[in-house]
Protein backbone atom coordinates (compact mmCIF):
# COMPACT_ATOMS: atom_id res chain seq x y z
CA MET A 1 49.59 124.34 114.60
CA ALA A 2 52.39 126.94 114.81
CA SER A 3 51.66 129.84 116.87
CA ASP A 4 52.64 133.35 115.50
CA ALA A 5 53.02 134.94 118.91
CA PRO A 6 56.54 135.45 120.43
CA PRO A 7 57.69 132.76 123.09
CA ALA A 8 56.69 133.41 126.59
CA ASP A 9 60.31 134.75 127.79
CA VAL A 10 60.45 137.54 125.05
CA PRO A 11 58.57 140.89 125.59
CA PRO A 12 56.01 142.52 123.05
CA ALA A 13 57.54 145.15 120.90
CA ASP A 14 56.01 147.66 122.38
CA ALA A 15 55.77 146.45 126.24
CA PRO A 16 56.09 148.85 129.26
CA PRO A 17 59.39 149.74 130.00
CA ALA A 18 61.83 147.85 131.70
CA ASP A 19 64.05 149.43 134.58
CA VAL A 20 67.35 150.42 131.98
CA PRO A 21 65.39 154.09 130.93
CA PRO A 22 65.15 155.12 126.92
CA ALA A 23 68.14 157.36 125.63
CA ASP A 24 65.82 160.03 125.75
CA ALA A 25 64.32 159.93 129.34
CA PRO A 26 65.51 163.31 131.53
CA PRO A 27 68.68 163.37 133.43
CA ALA A 28 68.52 160.83 136.56
CA HIS A 29 68.89 163.52 139.21
CA ALA A 30 66.13 165.13 137.81
CA VAL A 31 63.78 162.57 137.59
CA ALA A 32 64.99 162.01 141.55
CA ALA A 33 63.68 165.38 142.72
CA LEU A 34 60.45 165.01 140.88
CA ALA A 35 60.32 161.29 142.58
CA GLU A 36 60.92 163.00 145.98
CA ARG A 37 58.24 165.68 144.97
CA VAL A 38 55.86 163.10 144.14
CA GLU A 39 56.33 160.91 147.48
CA GLN A 40 56.28 163.99 149.90
CA ALA A 41 52.61 164.38 148.12
CA ALA A 42 51.63 160.94 148.25
CA ALA A 43 52.69 160.93 152.08
CA GLN A 44 49.34 163.36 152.74
CA VAL A 45 46.88 161.09 151.25
CA ASP A 46 45.21 158.20 152.68
CA GLY A 47 44.75 155.96 150.20
CA ARG A 48 46.64 155.58 146.78
CA TYR A 49 47.62 158.51 145.42
CA LEU A 50 46.66 159.55 141.21
CA LEU A 51 49.39 161.78 139.57
CA GLY A 52 48.27 162.63 135.85
CA VAL A 53 51.06 163.65 133.40
CA ALA A 54 49.10 165.45 131.02
CA GLY A 55 51.07 167.02 127.71
CA SER A 56 50.34 167.19 123.77
CA PRO A 57 51.67 163.84 121.18
CA GLY A 58 55.43 163.49 121.13
CA GLY A 59 55.94 165.66 124.05
CA GLY A 60 57.48 163.34 126.58
CA LYS A 61 54.53 162.78 129.09
CA THR A 62 55.30 158.78 128.55
CA THR A 63 58.42 158.59 129.21
CA LEU A 64 58.62 160.69 131.79
CA ALA A 65 55.55 158.76 133.88
CA ALA A 66 57.68 155.60 132.73
CA ALA A 67 60.61 157.37 134.52
CA LEU A 68 58.78 158.31 137.53
CA VAL A 69 57.94 155.26 138.49
CA ARG A 70 60.94 153.17 137.84
CA GLU A 71 62.85 155.49 140.65
CA LEU A 72 59.51 155.33 143.28
CA ASN A 73 59.99 151.46 142.62
CA ARG A 74 63.87 151.58 143.00
CA ARG A 75 63.22 153.38 146.48
CA ARG A 76 60.59 151.06 147.35
CA PRO A 77 59.54 148.00 144.97
CA GLY A 78 56.28 147.79 143.86
CA ARG A 79 54.94 151.64 145.16
CA ALA A 80 54.28 152.54 142.07
CA ALA A 81 52.29 152.05 138.56
CA ALA A 82 51.90 153.36 135.46
CA LEU A 83 48.14 153.50 133.79
CA PRO A 84 48.62 154.91 130.01
CA MET A 85 45.22 156.59 128.27
CA ASP A 86 46.04 155.39 124.92
CA GLY A 87 44.39 152.05 125.97
CA PHE A 88 41.33 153.66 125.95
CA HIS A 89 41.61 154.66 122.27
CA LEU A 90 37.95 153.22 120.42
CA ALA A 91 38.51 150.13 117.95
CA ASN A 92 39.49 151.23 114.47
CA SER A 93 36.63 148.97 113.35
CA THR A 94 34.53 152.00 115.87
CA LEU A 95 36.22 154.34 114.63
CA ASP A 96 35.78 153.17 110.56
CA ARG A 97 31.46 152.95 111.95
CA LEU A 98 31.68 156.73 112.88
CA GLY A 99 33.69 158.57 110.51
CA ARG A 100 36.84 159.08 112.53
CA ARG A 101 39.84 156.94 112.08
CA ASP A 102 41.88 159.32 109.79
CA ARG A 103 42.07 161.37 112.75
CA LYS A 104 42.36 158.81 115.43
CA GLY A 105 44.53 160.29 118.25
CA ALA A 106 41.66 163.48 118.55
CA LEU A 107 39.78 164.02 121.76
CA ASP A 108 36.60 161.97 120.59
CA THR A 109 38.33 158.95 119.49
CA PHE A 110 38.60 157.73 122.95
CA ASP A 111 36.41 156.23 125.35
CA GLY A 112 36.39 159.15 127.96
CA TRP A 113 33.58 157.99 129.99
CA GLY A 114 35.40 154.57 130.36
CA PHE A 115 38.98 155.78 131.54
CA LEU A 116 37.42 157.85 134.04
CA ALA A 117 35.64 154.38 135.55
CA LEU A 118 39.01 152.96 135.90
CA LEU A 119 40.53 156.34 137.56
CA ARG A 120 37.74 156.02 139.99
CA ARG A 121 37.96 152.14 140.18
CA LEU A 122 41.40 152.77 141.15
CA ARG A 123 40.23 154.93 144.34
CA ASP A 124 38.11 152.82 145.72
CA GLU A 125 39.60 148.83 144.63
CA THR A 126 42.42 149.24 146.61
CA GLU A 127 42.62 145.24 148.11
CA HIS A 128 42.59 143.49 145.02
CA THR A 129 44.27 143.70 141.76
CA VAL A 130 42.79 146.43 138.76
CA PHE A 131 43.42 145.16 135.04
CA ALA A 132 43.63 148.02 132.48
CA PRO A 133 43.92 147.95 128.92
CA SER A 134 47.28 148.81 127.07
CA PHE A 135 48.12 150.05 123.29
CA ARG A 136 50.24 148.37 120.89
CA ARG A 137 51.23 150.38 118.57
CA VAL A 138 52.67 147.40 116.47
CA VAL A 139 48.75 146.46 115.71
CA ASP A 140 47.51 150.05 116.37
CA GLU A 141 44.66 148.64 119.06
CA GLY A 142 43.93 148.31 122.44
CA VAL A 143 45.12 145.65 124.21
CA ALA A 144 42.24 144.17 127.37
CA GLY A 145 43.49 144.02 130.67
CA GLU A 146 47.53 143.87 129.44
CA ILE A 147 48.25 146.35 132.87
CA ALA A 148 47.84 145.14 136.08
CA ILE A 149 47.23 147.32 139.26
CA GLU A 150 48.35 145.45 141.86
CA PRO A 151 47.00 146.47 145.46
CA ASP A 152 50.57 148.12 146.67
CA ALA A 153 50.77 150.47 144.49
CA GLN A 154 50.23 153.01 146.72
CA ILE A 155 51.08 155.48 143.81
CA VAL A 156 49.34 155.55 140.19
CA VAL A 157 51.25 157.74 137.58
CA VAL A 158 48.57 158.32 134.89
CA GLU A 159 49.64 159.92 131.45
CA GLY A 160 47.65 160.54 128.70
CA ASN A 161 46.92 163.72 126.07
CA TYR A 162 43.46 165.30 127.34
CA LEU A 163 43.84 164.85 131.12
CA LEU A 164 43.47 168.09 131.31
CA VAL A 165 40.85 169.36 129.12
CA ASP A 166 37.84 170.94 130.69
CA GLU A 167 34.67 169.46 128.61
CA GLU A 168 32.91 166.52 129.53
CA PRO A 169 33.70 164.07 130.36
CA TRP A 170 37.49 164.60 130.76
CA ALA A 171 36.76 167.94 133.25
CA ARG A 172 36.09 164.91 135.61
CA VAL A 173 39.46 163.00 135.15
CA ARG A 174 41.11 166.03 136.58
CA VAL A 175 39.22 166.54 139.78
CA ALA A 176 39.90 162.38 139.70
CA LEU A 177 43.29 162.96 139.84
CA ASP A 178 45.19 164.14 142.94
CA ALA A 179 47.60 166.44 141.19
CA ALA A 180 48.31 166.99 137.38
CA TRP A 181 51.11 167.37 135.71
CA PHE A 182 51.94 169.68 132.26
CA CYS A 183 54.59 168.07 130.12
CA ALA A 184 55.78 170.31 128.14
CA THR A 185 58.30 170.46 124.89
CA SER A 186 58.87 172.56 121.56
CA SER A 187 56.78 171.95 118.64
CA ALA A 188 60.37 171.07 116.44
CA ASP A 189 61.22 168.16 119.28
CA ARG A 190 57.32 166.96 119.37
CA GLU A 191 58.11 166.91 114.86
CA VAL A 192 60.84 164.86 115.09
CA ARG A 193 59.80 162.27 117.82
CA LEU A 194 56.88 161.96 115.75
CA ILE A 195 57.92 161.19 112.62
CA GLU A 196 59.96 158.81 113.60
CA ARG A 197 57.60 157.28 115.53
CA HIS A 198 55.08 156.74 113.05
CA ILE A 199 57.46 156.07 110.43
CA LEU A 200 58.16 152.53 113.05
CA GLY A 201 54.24 152.27 112.84
CA GLY A 202 55.05 151.84 109.05
CA ARG A 203 54.46 155.35 107.30
CA SER A 204 56.21 156.41 104.53
CA ARG A 205 58.26 159.31 105.72
CA ASP A 206 56.32 161.78 104.06
CA ALA A 207 52.31 160.15 105.47
CA ALA A 208 54.80 160.15 108.98
CA ALA A 209 55.04 164.03 108.46
CA ALA A 210 52.04 164.82 107.10
CA TRP A 211 49.88 162.97 110.20
CA ALA A 212 52.11 165.02 112.62
CA ARG A 213 51.15 168.03 110.84
CA ASP A 214 47.86 167.30 110.30
CA VAL A 215 46.15 165.33 112.78
CA ASP A 216 49.36 165.62 115.89
CA GLY A 217 49.55 169.13 115.21
CA VAL A 218 45.95 169.18 115.47
CA ASN A 219 45.03 167.77 118.82
CA ALA A 220 48.50 169.62 120.15
CA VAL A 221 46.45 172.95 119.97
CA LEU A 222 43.72 171.68 121.80
CA ILE A 223 45.92 170.01 124.65
CA ASP A 224 48.57 172.97 124.61
CA ALA A 225 45.62 175.14 125.53
CA THR A 226 45.16 172.86 128.86
CA ARG A 227 48.30 174.02 130.42
CA ASP A 228 47.56 176.47 132.52
CA ARG A 229 45.12 174.09 134.39
CA ALA A 230 48.16 171.97 135.47
CA ASP A 231 49.74 171.60 138.89
CA LEU A 232 53.24 171.85 137.78
CA VAL A 233 54.69 172.22 134.65
CA VAL A 234 57.69 170.07 133.63
CA SER A 235 59.84 170.44 130.83
CA GLY A 236 59.77 166.97 128.91
CA THR A 237 63.47 167.12 127.56
CA SER A 238 65.56 168.10 130.96
CA GLY A 239 62.86 166.98 133.69
CA GLU A 240 63.34 170.44 134.87
CA ILE A 241 60.65 172.71 136.35
CA LEU A 242 59.75 175.24 134.23
CA GLY A 243 56.14 176.66 136.33
């Protein structure tokens, strides 16, 4: 029987970023300065260093985290790994059962306790590979065990919307991180990015704009309010330190 899966040498449509940064990545000099800051902080930690990068949907946190990991690994291959929170989306069937599918991406549509448990594993389990779930936009579902955090990964850059939320279990997520940054981008820029993302995901332009406004926009209100809990605020476009 013929398989619908792509050949082994063809990356999935939304595979983790390759060595070449995307067009909207922050400038190389800004990323280098941030990577230097991370290296200095990690050198003070006995064990694995967990950096959180929080921010609202479309704010550039995934791109920033990937850029940091690329730069850190350029300096020392295999030293850093990226871990997105999105792999802990509840399954669509679960969201349907709970009546939350129409606002997927909201705080209560994630397995927060599961995510927290993984962070604790990364802290404690450094002698073997720790596998984590990814999220595939093309199927709008998580994929178990697709991300491998190898023992040599001393630095893990964790990114997600709700890393700084001050309610259970997310308040414990902040404690599980060595440091947390907030990736800040204007609402106008975020909306443009989100609309294009949702169109690529199969929505019409009108539906994409409505989701960006009525779902992502509502979530952004909660997320933006957590900015003051960050150790550092970084621009999601320029990579500059804002505070």
